[in-house]
Amino acid sequence: MEQQELQRLKTLKSIFPEDSWSWSITALRRNPAIWAEFDNAEFSQTLIQDIGVEPQDWTPGRIGAVLFARDIKEEIPYPIDSFDGLSLIIDDFSLIIIPP
């Protein structure tokens, strides 16, 4: 196994609880773009800061939002999880504008 791969595994094992390693690390490895980002030491720290340390919260969408914010060199002004209920708000609003 290459040195970079071992470092990625070591990084994630230091973040996630041991009972989640089998599924959480496997899930992250399935996306080559996300997996490659773990070569950058700041990346995991950014994810911890923006998403937290619960592995089930490290979804591709949330990780993508963090990457997007970093790439445009701006921060999303709201916590990433604040967008989880956005579709419900949009549905409620559309009922006001366009009654069923």
PDB file of N, CA and C in Angstrom:
ATOM      1  N   MET A   1       0.853  -1.180   0.000  1.00  0.00           N
ATOM      2  CA  MET A   1       0.000   0.000   0.000  1.00  0.00           C
ATOM      3  C   MET A   1       0.894   1.236   0.000  1.00  0.00           C
ATOM      4  N   GLU A   2       0.537   2.196  -0.822  1.00  0.00           N
ATOM      5  CA  GLU A   2       1.367   3.391  -0.923  1.00  0.00           C
ATOM      6  C   GLU A   2       1.285   4.249   0.336  1.00  0.00           C
ATOM      7  N   GLN A   3       2.289   5.071   0.517  1.00  0.00           N
ATOM      8  CA  GLN A   3       2.388   5.910   1.711  1.00  0.00           C
ATOM      9  C   GLN A   3       1.202   6.859   1.851  1.00  0.00           C
ATOM     10  N   GLN A   4       0.758   7.452   0.727  1.00  0.00           N
ATOM     11  CA  GLN A   4      -0.378   8.375   0.775  1.00  0.00           C
ATOM     12  C   GLN A   4      -1.639   7.665   1.269  1.00  0.00           C
ATOM     13  N   GLU A   5      -1.848   6.464   0.790  1.00  0.00           N
ATOM     14  CA  GLU A   5      -3.025   5.677   1.193  1.00  0.00           C
ATOM     15  C   GLU A   5      -2.990   5.406   2.691  1.00  0.00           C
ATOM     16  N   LEU A   6      -1.842   5.030   3.196  1.00  0.00           N
ATOM     17  CA  LEU A   6      -1.704   4.777   4.633  1.00  0.00           C
ATOM     18  C   LEU A   6      -1.962   6.035   5.454  1.00  0.00           C
ATOM     19  N   GLN A   7      -1.503   7.169   4.950  1.00  0.00           N
ATOM     20  CA  GLN A   7      -1.724   8.429   5.662  1.00  0.00           C
ATOM     21  C   GLN A   7      -3.199   8.802   5.682  1.00  0.00           C
ATOM     22  N   ARG A   8      -3.888   8.588   4.561  1.00  0.00           N
ATOM     23  CA  ARG A   8      -5.336   8.866   4.514  1.00  0.00           C
ATOM     24  C   ARG A   8      -6.076   8.013   5.539  1.00  0.00           C
ATOM     25  N   LEU A   9      -5.743   6.723   5.581  1.00  0.00           N
ATOM     26  CA  LEU A   9      -6.393   5.816   6.534  1.00  0.00           C
ATOM     27  C   LEU A   9      -6.111   6.246   7.971  1.00  0.00           C
ATOM     28  N   LYS A  10      -4.877   6.607   8.242  1.00  0.00           N
ATOM     29  CA  LYS A  10      -4.497   7.039   9.585  1.00  0.00           C
ATOM     30  C   LYS A  10      -5.278   8.299   9.986  1.00  0.00           C
ATOM     31  N   THR A  11      -5.404   9.229   9.054  1.00  0.00           N
ATOM     32  CA  THR A  11      -6.140  10.464   9.324  1.00  0.00           C
ATOM     33  C   THR A  11      -7.581  10.169   9.691  1.00  0.00           C
ATOM     34  N   LEU A  12      -8.255   9.360   8.870  1.00  0.00           N
ATOM     35  CA  LEU A  12      -9.669   9.067   9.112  1.00  0.00           C
ATOM     36  C   LEU A  12      -9.873   8.239  10.376  1.00  0.00           C
ATOM     37  N   LYS A  13      -8.950   7.337  10.657  1.00  0.00           N
ATOM     38  CA  LYS A  13      -9.067   6.539  11.879  1.00  0.00           C
ATOM     39  C   LYS A  13      -8.886   7.395  13.126  1.00  0.00           C
ATOM     40  N   SER A  14      -8.187   8.505  12.980  1.00  0.00           N
ATOM     41  CA  SER A  14      -8.028   9.405  14.127  1.00  0.00           C
ATOM     42  C   SER A  14      -9.268  10.271  14.348  1.00  0.00           C
ATOM     43  N   ILE A  15     -10.131  10.348  13.346  1.00  0.00           N
ATOM     44  CA  ILE A  15     -11.330  11.183  13.434  1.00  0.00           C
ATOM     45  C   ILE A  15     -12.555  10.367  13.846  1.00  0.00           C
ATOM     46  N   PHE A  16     -12.765   9.245  13.167  1.00  0.00           N
ATOM     47  CA  PHE A  16     -13.988   8.461  13.345  1.00  0.00           C
ATOM     48  C   PHE A  16     -13.840   7.402  14.432  1.00  0.00           C
ATOM     49  N   PRO A  17     -14.953   7.041  15.083  1.00  0.00           N
ATOM     50  CA  PRO A  17     -14.909   5.938  16.052  1.00  0.00           C
ATOM     51  C   PRO A  17     -14.602   4.616  15.338  1.00  0.00           C
ATOM     52  N   GLU A  18     -13.930   3.734  16.038  1.00  0.00           N
ATOM     53  CA  GLU A  18     -13.484   2.477  15.423  1.00  0.00           C
ATOM     54  C   GLU A  18     -14.635   1.653  14.850  1.00  0.00           C
ATOM     55  N   ASP A  19     -15.785   1.664  15.510  1.00  0.00           N
ATOM     56  CA  ASP A  19     -16.894   0.837  15.019  1.00  0.00           C
ATOM     57  C   ASP A  19     -17.490   1.336  13.706  1.00  0.00           C
ATOM     58  N   SER A  20     -17.056   2.511  13.239  1.00  0.00           N
ATOM     59  CA  SER A  20     -17.551   3.039  11.962  1.00  0.00           C
ATOM     60  C   SER A  20     -16.543   2.906  10.824  1.00  0.00           C
ATOM     61  N   TRP A  21     -15.337   2.483  11.122  1.00  0.00           N
ATOM     62  CA  TRP A  21     -14.285   2.451  10.093  1.00  0.00           C
ATOM     63  C   TRP A  21     -14.675   1.627   8.876  1.00  0.00           C
ATOM     64  N   SER A  22     -15.266   0.472   9.084  1.00  0.00           N
ATOM     65  CA  SER A  22     -15.539  -0.427   7.958  1.00  0.00           C
ATOM     66  C   SER A  22     -16.458   0.209   6.923  1.00  0.00           C
ATOM     67  N   TRP A  23     -17.468   0.928   7.353  1.00  0.00           N
ATOM     68  CA  TRP A  23     -18.394   1.511   6.382  1.00  0.00           C
ATOM     69  C   TRP A  23     -18.045   2.951   6.023  1.00  0.00           C
ATOM     70  N   SER A  24     -17.560   3.733   6.968  1.00  0.00           N
ATOM     71  CA  SER A  24     -17.311   5.148   6.667  1.00  0.00           C
ATOM     72  C   SER A  24     -16.112   5.336   5.743  1.00  0.00           C
ATOM     73  N   ILE A  25     -15.043   4.648   6.022  1.00  0.00           N
ATOM     74  CA  ILE A  25     -13.847   4.777   5.177  1.00  0.00           C
ATOM     75  C   ILE A  25     -14.102   4.169   3.805  1.00  0.00           C
ATOM     76  N   THR A  26     -14.803   3.054   3.773  1.00  0.00           N
ATOM     77  CA  THR A  26     -15.157   2.429   2.489  1.00  0.00           C
ATOM     78  C   THR A  26     -15.986   3.387   1.642  1.00  0.00           C
ATOM     79  N   ALA A  27     -16.949   4.061   2.261  1.00  0.00           N
ATOM     80  CA  ALA A  27     -17.797   5.007   1.526  1.00  0.00           C
ATOM     81  C   ALA A  27     -16.984   6.169   0.968  1.00  0.00           C
ATOM     82  N   LEU A  28     -16.076   6.713   1.755  1.00  0.00           N
ATOM     83  CA  LEU A  28     -15.263   7.830   1.281  1.00  0.00           C
ATOM     84  C   LEU A  28     -14.311   7.410   0.162  1.00  0.00           C
ATOM     85  N   ARG A  29     -13.836   6.184   0.202  1.00  0.00           N
ATOM     86  CA  ARG A  29     -12.914   5.690  -0.838  1.00  0.00           C
ATOM     87  C   ARG A  29     -13.613   5.524  -2.182  1.00  0.00           C
ATOM     88  N   ARG A  30     -14.913   5.412  -2.185  1.00  0.00           N
ATOM     89  CA  ARG A  30     -15.659   5.205  -3.437  1.00  0.00           C
ATOM     90  C   ARG A  30     -15.681   6.434  -4.331  1.00  0.00           C
ATOM     91  N   ASN A  31     -15.365   7.582  -3.773  1.00  0.00           N
ATOM     92  CA  ASN A  31     -15.340   8.803  -4.566  1.00  0.00           C
ATOM     93  C   ASN A  31     -13.884   9.258  -4.693  1.00  0.00           C
ATOM     94  N   PRO A  32     -13.269   8.992  -5.844  1.00  0.00           N
ATOM     95  CA  PRO A  32     -11.840   9.317  -6.007  1.00  0.00           C
ATOM     96  C   PRO A  32     -11.503  10.788  -5.773  1.00  0.00           C
ATOM     97  N   ALA A  33     -12.404  11.690  -6.148  1.00  0.00           N
ATOM     98  CA  ALA A  33     -12.125  13.115  -5.963  1.00  0.00           C
ATOM     99  C   ALA A  33     -12.067  13.472  -4.483  1.00  0.00           C
ATOM    100  N   ILE A  34     -13.004  12.946  -3.717  1.00  0.00           N
ATOM    101  CA  ILE A  34     -13.013  13.196  -2.272  1.00  0.00           C
ATOM    102  C   ILE A  34     -11.835  12.493  -1.622  1.00  0.00           C
ATOM    103  N   TRP A  35     -11.602  11.257  -1.987  1.00  0.00           N
ATOM    104  CA  TRP A  35     -10.523  10.469  -1.382  1.00  0.00           C
ATOM    105  C   TRP A  35      -9.170  11.149  -1.586  1.00  0.00           C
ATOM    106  N   ALA A  36      -8.944  11.686  -2.762  1.00  0.00           N
ATOM    107  CA  ALA A  36      -7.667  12.348  -3.056  1.00  0.00           C
ATOM    108  C   ALA A  36      -7.465  13.597  -2.208  1.00  0.00           C
ATOM    109  N   GLU A  37      -8.544  14.236  -1.802  1.00  0.00           N
ATOM    110  CA  GLU A  37      -8.439  15.452  -0.991  1.00  0.00           C
ATOM    111  C   GLU A  37      -7.804  15.187   0.376  1.00  0.00           C
ATOM    112  N   PHE A  38      -7.870  13.941   0.841  1.00  0.00           N
ATOM    113  CA  PHE A  38      -7.299  13.629   2.148  1.00  0.00           C
ATOM    114  C   PHE A  38      -5.767  13.652   2.147  1.00  0.00           C
ATOM    115  N   ASP A  39      -5.156  13.892   0.986  1.00  0.00           N
ATOM    116  CA  ASP A  39      -3.711  14.122   0.942  1.00  0.00           C
ATOM    117  C   ASP A  39      -3.373  15.488   1.538  1.00  0.00           C
ATOM    118  N   ASN A  40      -4.344  16.370   1.538  1.00  0.00           N
ATOM    119  CA  ASN A  40      -4.190  17.717   2.079  1.00  0.00           C
ATOM    120  C   ASN A  40      -4.572  17.684   3.558  1.00  0.00           C
ATOM    121  N   ALA A  41      -3.623  17.961   4.423  1.00  0.00           N
ATOM    122  CA  ALA A  41      -3.864  17.887   5.873  1.00  0.00           C
ATOM    123  C   ALA A  41      -4.937  18.865   6.330  1.00  0.00           C
ATOM    124  N   GLU A  42      -5.047  20.000   5.674  1.00  0.00           N
ATOM    125  CA  GLU A  42      -6.047  20.990   6.060  1.00  0.00           C
ATOM    126  C   GLU A  42      -7.463  20.541   5.721  1.00  0.00           C
ATOM    127  N   PHE A  43      -7.599  19.652   4.732  1.00  0.00           N
ATOM    128  CA  PHE A  43      -8.925  19.223   4.279  1.00  0.00           C
ATOM    129  C   PHE A  43      -9.722  18.566   5.399  1.00  0.00           C
ATOM    130  N   SER A  44      -9.127  17.604   6.078  1.00  0.00           N
ATOM    131  CA  SER A  44      -9.861  16.918   7.142  1.00  0.00           C
ATOM    132  C   SER A  44     -10.190  17.870   8.282  1.00  0.00           C
ATOM    133  N   GLN A  45      -9.293  18.803   8.579  1.00  0.00           N
ATOM    134  CA  GLN A  45      -9.572  19.779   9.634  1.00  0.00           C
ATOM    135  C   GLN A  45     -10.731  20.697   9.248  1.00  0.00           C
ATOM    136  N   THR A  46     -10.792  21.056   7.971  1.00  0.00           N
ATOM    137  CA  THR A  46     -11.908  21.875   7.487  1.00  0.00           C
ATOM    138  C   THR A  46     -13.218  21.123   7.617  1.00  0.00           C
ATOM    139  N   LEU A  47     -13.209  19.826   7.264  1.00  0.00           N
ATOM    140  CA  LEU A  47     -14.428  19.021   7.375  1.00  0.00           C
ATOM    141  C   LEU A  47     -14.865  18.876   8.831  1.00  0.00           C
ATOM    142  N   ILE A  48     -13.911  18.665   9.711  1.00  0.00           N
ATOM    143  CA  ILE A  48     -14.234  18.560  11.138  1.00  0.00           C
ATOM    144  C   ILE A  48     -14.874  19.862  11.617  1.00  0.00           C
ATOM    145  N   GLN A  49     -14.310  20.974  11.215  1.00  0.00           N
ATOM    146  CA  GLN A  49     -14.824  22.275  11.639  1.00  0.00           C
ATOM    147  C   GLN A  49     -16.217  22.535  11.066  1.00  0.00           C
ATOM    148  N   ASP A  50     -16.431  22.215   9.788  1.00  0.00           N
ATOM    149  CA  ASP A  50     -17.691  22.557   9.129  1.00  0.00           C
ATOM    150  C   ASP A  50     -18.782  21.501   9.279  1.00  0.00           C
ATOM    151  N   ILE A  51     -18.387  20.239   9.411  1.00  0.00           N
ATOM    152  CA  ILE A  51     -19.374  19.156   9.450  1.00  0.00           C
ATOM    153  C   ILE A  51     -19.432  18.478  10.812  1.00  0.00           C
ATOM    154  N   GLY A  52     -18.287  18.363  11.481  1.00  0.00           N
ATOM    155  CA  GLY A  52     -18.233  17.662  12.757  1.00  0.00           C
ATOM    156  C   GLY A  52     -17.495  16.344  12.608  1.00  0.00           C
ATOM    157  N   VAL A  53     -17.578  15.493  13.616  1.00  0.00           N
ATOM    158  CA  VAL A  53     -16.813  14.246  13.610  1.00  0.00           C
ATOM    159  C   VAL A  53     -17.688  13.000  13.498  1.00  0.00           C
ATOM    160  N   GLU A  54     -18.984  13.177  13.323  1.00  0.00           N
ATOM    161  CA  GLU A  54     -19.855  12.013  13.162  1.00  0.00           C
ATOM    162  C   GLU A  54     -19.768  11.524  11.719  1.00  0.00           C
ATOM    163  N   PRO A  55     -19.329  10.295  11.496  1.00  0.00           N
ATOM    164  CA  PRO A  55     -19.102   9.840  10.125  1.00  0.00           C
ATOM    165  C   PRO A  55     -20.357   9.853   9.258  1.00  0.00           C
ATOM    166  N   GLN A  56     -21.538   9.636   9.841  1.00  0.00           N
ATOM    167  CA  GLN A  56     -22.755   9.638   9.041  1.00  0.00           C
ATOM    168  C   GLN A  56     -23.080  11.036   8.499  1.00  0.00           C
ATOM    169  N   ASP A  57     -22.466  12.065   9.059  1.00  0.00           N
ATOM    170  CA  ASP A  57     -22.671  13.424   8.562  1.00  0.00           C
ATOM    171  C   ASP A  57     -21.757  13.772   7.396  1.00  0.00           C
ATOM    172  N   TRP A  58     -20.773  12.949   7.131  1.00  0.00           N
ATOM    173  CA  TRP A  58     -19.819  13.213   6.045  1.00  0.00           C
ATOM    174  C   TRP A  58     -20.378  12.674   4.732  1.00  0.00           C
ATOM    175  N   THR A  59     -21.489  13.244   4.294  1.00  0.00           N
ATOM    176  CA  THR A  59     -22.113  12.821   3.047  1.00  0.00           C
ATOM    177  C   THR A  59     -21.438  13.514   1.872  1.00  0.00           C
ATOM    178  N   PRO A  60     -21.551  12.948   0.663  1.00  0.00           N
ATOM    179  CA  PRO A  60     -20.948  13.607  -0.504  1.00  0.00           C
ATOM    180  C   PRO A  60     -21.450  15.037  -0.689  1.00  0.00           C
ATOM    181  N   GLY A  61     -22.724  15.276  -0.415  1.00  0.00           N
ATOM    182  CA  GLY A  61     -23.266  16.624  -0.570  1.00  0.00           C
ATOM    183  C   GLY A  61     -22.640  17.617   0.387  1.00  0.00           C
ATOM    184  N   ARG A  62     -22.498  17.233   1.632  1.00  0.00           N
ATOM    185  CA  ARG A  62     -21.893  18.132   2.614  1.00  0.00           C
ATOM    186  C   ARG A  62     -20.414  18.343   2.332  1.00  0.00           C
ATOM    187  N   ILE A  63     -19.714  17.282   1.971  1.00  0.00           N
ATOM    188  CA  ILE A  63     -18.297  17.429   1.634  1.00  0.00           C
ATOM    189  C   ILE A  63     -18.152  18.313   0.399  1.00  0.00           C
ATOM    190  N   GLY A  64     -19.043  18.114  -0.585  1.00  0.00           N
ATOM    191  CA  GLY A  64     -19.024  18.948  -1.786  1.00  0.00           C
ATOM    192  C   GLY A  64     -19.255  20.413  -1.469  1.00  0.00           C
ATOM    193  N   ALA A  65     -20.170  20.694  -0.539  1.00  0.00           N
ATOM    194  CA  ALA A  65     -20.426  22.085  -0.145  1.00  0.00           C
ATOM    195  C   ALA A  65     -19.186  22.705   0.481  1.00  0.00           C
ATOM    196  N   VAL A  66     -18.476  21.923   1.283  1.00  0.00           N
ATOM    197  CA  VAL A  66     -17.241  22.423   1.896  1.00  0.00           C
ATOM    198  C   VAL A  66     -16.199  22.697   0.818  1.00  0.00           C
ATOM    199  N   LEU A  67     -16.057  21.767  -0.129  1.00  0.00           N
ATOM    200  CA  LEU A  67     -15.099  21.968  -1.224  1.00  0.00           C
ATOM    201  C   LEU A  67     -15.468  23.169  -2.077  1.00  0.00           C
ATOM    202  N   PHE A  68     -16.752  23.313  -2.351  1.00  0.00           N
ATOM    203  CA  PHE A  68     -17.221  24.435  -3.163  1.00  0.00           C
ATOM    204  C   PHE A  68     -16.904  25.749  -2.472  1.00  0.00           C
ATOM    205  N   ALA A  69     -17.199  25.824  -1.202  1.00  0.00           N
ATOM    206  CA  ALA A  69     -16.924  27.048  -0.444  1.00  0.00           C
ATOM    207  C   ALA A  69     -15.432  27.364  -0.453  1.00  0.00           C
ATOM    208  N   ARG A  70     -14.623  26.327  -0.316  1.00  0.00           N
ATOM    209  CA  ARG A  70     -13.172  26.534  -0.323  1.00  0.00           C
ATOM    210  C   ARG A  70     -12.692  26.973  -1.706  1.00  0.00           C
ATOM    211  N   ASP A  71     -13.250  26.359  -2.749  1.00  0.00           N
ATOM    212  CA  ASP A  71     -12.806  26.667  -4.104  1.00  0.00           C
ATOM    213  C   ASP A  71     -13.133  28.090  -4.524  1.00  0.00           C
ATOM    214  N   ILE A  72     -14.227  28.623  -4.061  1.00  0.00           N
ATOM    215  CA  ILE A  72     -14.567  29.999  -4.431  1.00  0.00           C
ATOM    216  C   ILE A  72     -14.030  30.997  -3.415  1.00  0.00           C
ATOM    217  N   LYS A  73     -13.286  30.443  -2.435  1.00  0.00           N
ATOM    218  CA  LYS A  73     -12.621  31.262  -1.419  1.00  0.00           C
ATOM    219  C   LYS A  73     -13.605  32.120  -0.632  1.00  0.00           C
ATOM    220  N   GLU A  74     -14.785  31.564  -0.435  1.00  0.00           N
ATOM    221  CA  GLU A  74     -15.789  32.216   0.395  1.00  0.00           C
ATOM    222  C   GLU A  74     -16.329  31.165   1.347  1.00  0.00           C
ATOM    223  N   GLU A  75     -16.927  31.617   2.406  1.00  0.00           N
ATOM    224  CA  GLU A  75     -17.579  30.692   3.308  1.00  0.00           C
ATOM    225  C   GLU A  75     -19.070  30.793   3.088  1.00  0.00           C
ATOM    226  N   ILE A  76     -19.745  29.668   3.171  1.00  0.00           N
ATOM    227  CA  ILE A  76     -21.198  29.684   3.130  1.00  0.00           C
ATOM    228  C   ILE A  76     -21.636  30.339   4.438  1.00  0.00           C
ATOM    229  N   PRO A  77     -22.465  31.372   4.378  1.00  0.00           N
ATOM    230  CA  PRO A  77     -22.780  32.119   5.595  1.00  0.00           C
ATOM    231  C   PRO A  77     -23.709  31.395   6.566  1.00  0.00           C
ATOM    232  N   TYR A  78     -24.122  30.211   6.240  1.00  0.00           N
ATOM    233  CA  TYR A  78     -25.004  29.439   7.110  1.00  0.00           C
ATOM    234  C   TYR A  78     -24.361  28.091   7.385  1.00  0.00           C
ATOM    235  N   PRO A  79     -24.677  27.474   8.512  1.00  0.00           N
ATOM    236  CA  PRO A  79     -24.174  26.109   8.727  1.00  0.00           C
ATOM    237  C   PRO A  79     -24.696  25.203   7.609  1.00  0.00           C
ATOM    238  N   ILE A  80     -23.860  24.301   7.158  1.00  0.00           N
ATOM    239  CA  ILE A  80     -24.226  23.440   6.039  1.00  0.00           C
ATOM    240  C   ILE A  80     -25.506  22.671   6.325  1.00  0.00           C
ATOM    241  N   ASP A  81     -25.701  22.220   7.559  1.00  0.00           N
ATOM    242  CA  ASP A  81     -26.900  21.445   7.857  1.00  0.00           C
ATOM    243  C   ASP A  81     -28.162  22.304   7.863  1.00  0.00           C
ATOM    244  N   SER A  82     -28.036  23.641   7.790  1.00  0.00           N
ATOM    245  CA  SER A  82     -29.223  24.482   7.744  1.00  0.00           C
ATOM    246  C   SER A  82     -29.957  24.336   6.419  1.00  0.00           C
ATOM    247  N   PHE A  83     -29.332  23.752   5.413  1.00  0.00           N
ATOM    248  CA  PHE A  83     -29.970  23.550   4.125  1.00  0.00           C
ATOM    249  C   PHE A  83     -30.797  22.265   4.078  1.00  0.00           C
ATOM    250  N   ASP A  84     -30.708  21.434   5.129  1.00  0.00           N
ATOM    251  CA  ASP A  84     -31.419  20.163   5.133  1.00  0.00           C
ATOM    252  C   ASP A  84     -32.928  20.340   5.005  1.00  0.00           C
ATOM    253  N   GLY A  85     -33.497  21.363   5.604  1.00  0.00           N
ATOM    254  CA  GLY A  85     -34.941  21.571   5.562  1.00  0.00           C
ATOM    255  C   GLY A  85     -35.388  22.521   4.472  1.00  0.00           C
ATOM    256  N   LEU A  86     -34.480  22.913   3.592  1.00  0.00           N
ATOM    257  CA  LEU A  86     -34.799  23.883   2.566  1.00  0.00           C
ATOM    258  C   LEU A  86     -35.921  23.421   1.642  1.00  0.00           C
ATOM    259  N   SER A  87     -35.949  22.162   1.257  1.00  0.00           N
ATOM    260  CA  SER A  87     -36.992  21.693   0.348  1.00  0.00           C
ATOM    261  C   SER A  87     -38.376  21.811   0.976  1.00  0.00           C
ATOM    262  N   LEU A  88     -38.478  21.618   2.293  1.00  0.00           N
ATOM    263  CA  LEU A  88     -39.763  21.785   2.970  1.00  0.00           C
ATOM    264  C   LEU A  88     -40.234  23.232   2.918  1.00  0.00           C
ATOM    265  N   ILE A  89     -39.311  24.149   3.107  1.00  0.00           N
ATOM    266  CA  ILE A  89     -39.652  25.570   3.039  1.00  0.00           C
ATOM    267  C   ILE A  89     -40.094  25.947   1.637  1.00  0.00           C
ATOM    268  N   ILE A  90     -39.402  25.443   0.630  1.00  0.00           N
ATOM    269  CA  ILE A  90     -39.760  25.729  -0.757  1.00  0.00           C
ATOM    270  C   ILE A  90     -41.143  25.163  -1.058  1.00  0.00           C
ATOM    271  N   ASP A  91     -41.420  23.931  -0.617  1.00  0.00           N
ATOM    272  CA  ASP A  91     -42.740  23.333  -0.835  1.00  0.00           C
ATOM    273  C   ASP A  91     -43.832  24.170  -0.182  1.00  0.00           C
ATOM    274  N   ASP A  92     -43.623  24.607   1.047  1.00  0.00           N
ATOM    275  CA  ASP A  92     -44.607  25.439   1.738  1.00  0.00           C
ATOM    276  C   ASP A  92     -44.828  26.754   0.997  1.00  0.00           C
ATOM    277  N   PHE A  93     -43.752  27.363   0.532  1.00  0.00           N
ATOM    278  CA  PHE A  93     -43.847  28.624  -0.167  1.00  0.00           C
ATOM    279  C   PHE A  93     -44.599  28.467  -1.491  1.00  0.00           C
ATOM    280  N   SER A  94     -44.334  27.364  -2.193  1.00  0.00           N
ATOM    281  CA  SER A  94     -44.998  27.156  -3.482  1.00  0.00           C
ATOM    282  C   SER A  94     -46.501  26.946  -3.308  1.00  0.00           C
ATOM    283  N   LEU A  95     -46.936  26.428  -2.159  1.00  0.00           N
ATOM    284  CA  LEU A  95     -48.361  26.261  -1.908  1.00  0.00           C
ATOM    285  C   LEU A  95     -49.048  27.614  -1.721  1.00  0.00           C
ATOM    286  N   ILE A  96     -48.304  28.579  -1.206  1.00  0.00           N
ATOM    287  CA  ILE A  96     -48.861  29.916  -1.030  1.00  0.00           C
ATOM    288  C   ILE A  96     -49.029  30.600  -2.381  1.00  0.00           C
ATOM    289  N   ILE A  97     -48.019  30.456  -3.230  1.00  0.00           N
ATOM    290  CA  ILE A  97     -48.049  31.109  -4.546  1.00  0.00           C
ATOM    291  C   ILE A  97     -48.969  30.382  -5.508  1.00  0.00           C
ATOM    292  N   ILE A  98     -48.880  29.076  -5.541  1.00  0.00           N
ATOM    293  CA  ILE A  98     -49.666  28.261  -6.457  1.00  0.00           C
ATOM    294  C   ILE A  98     -50.528  27.312  -5.633  1.00  0.00           C
ATOM    295  N   PRO A  99     -51.729  27.710  -5.277  1.00  0.00           N
ATOM    296  CA  PRO A  99     -52.569  26.824  -4.451  1.00  0.00           C
ATOM    297  C   PRO A  99     -52.852  25.512  -5.186  1.00  0.00           C
ATOM    298  N   PRO A 100     -52.983  24.413  -4.413  1.00  0.00           N
ATOM    299  CA  PRO A 100     -53.230  23.117  -5.058  1.00  0.00           C
ATOM    300  C   PRO A 100     -54.578  23.040  -5.739  1.00  0.00           C
TER     301      PRO A 100
END
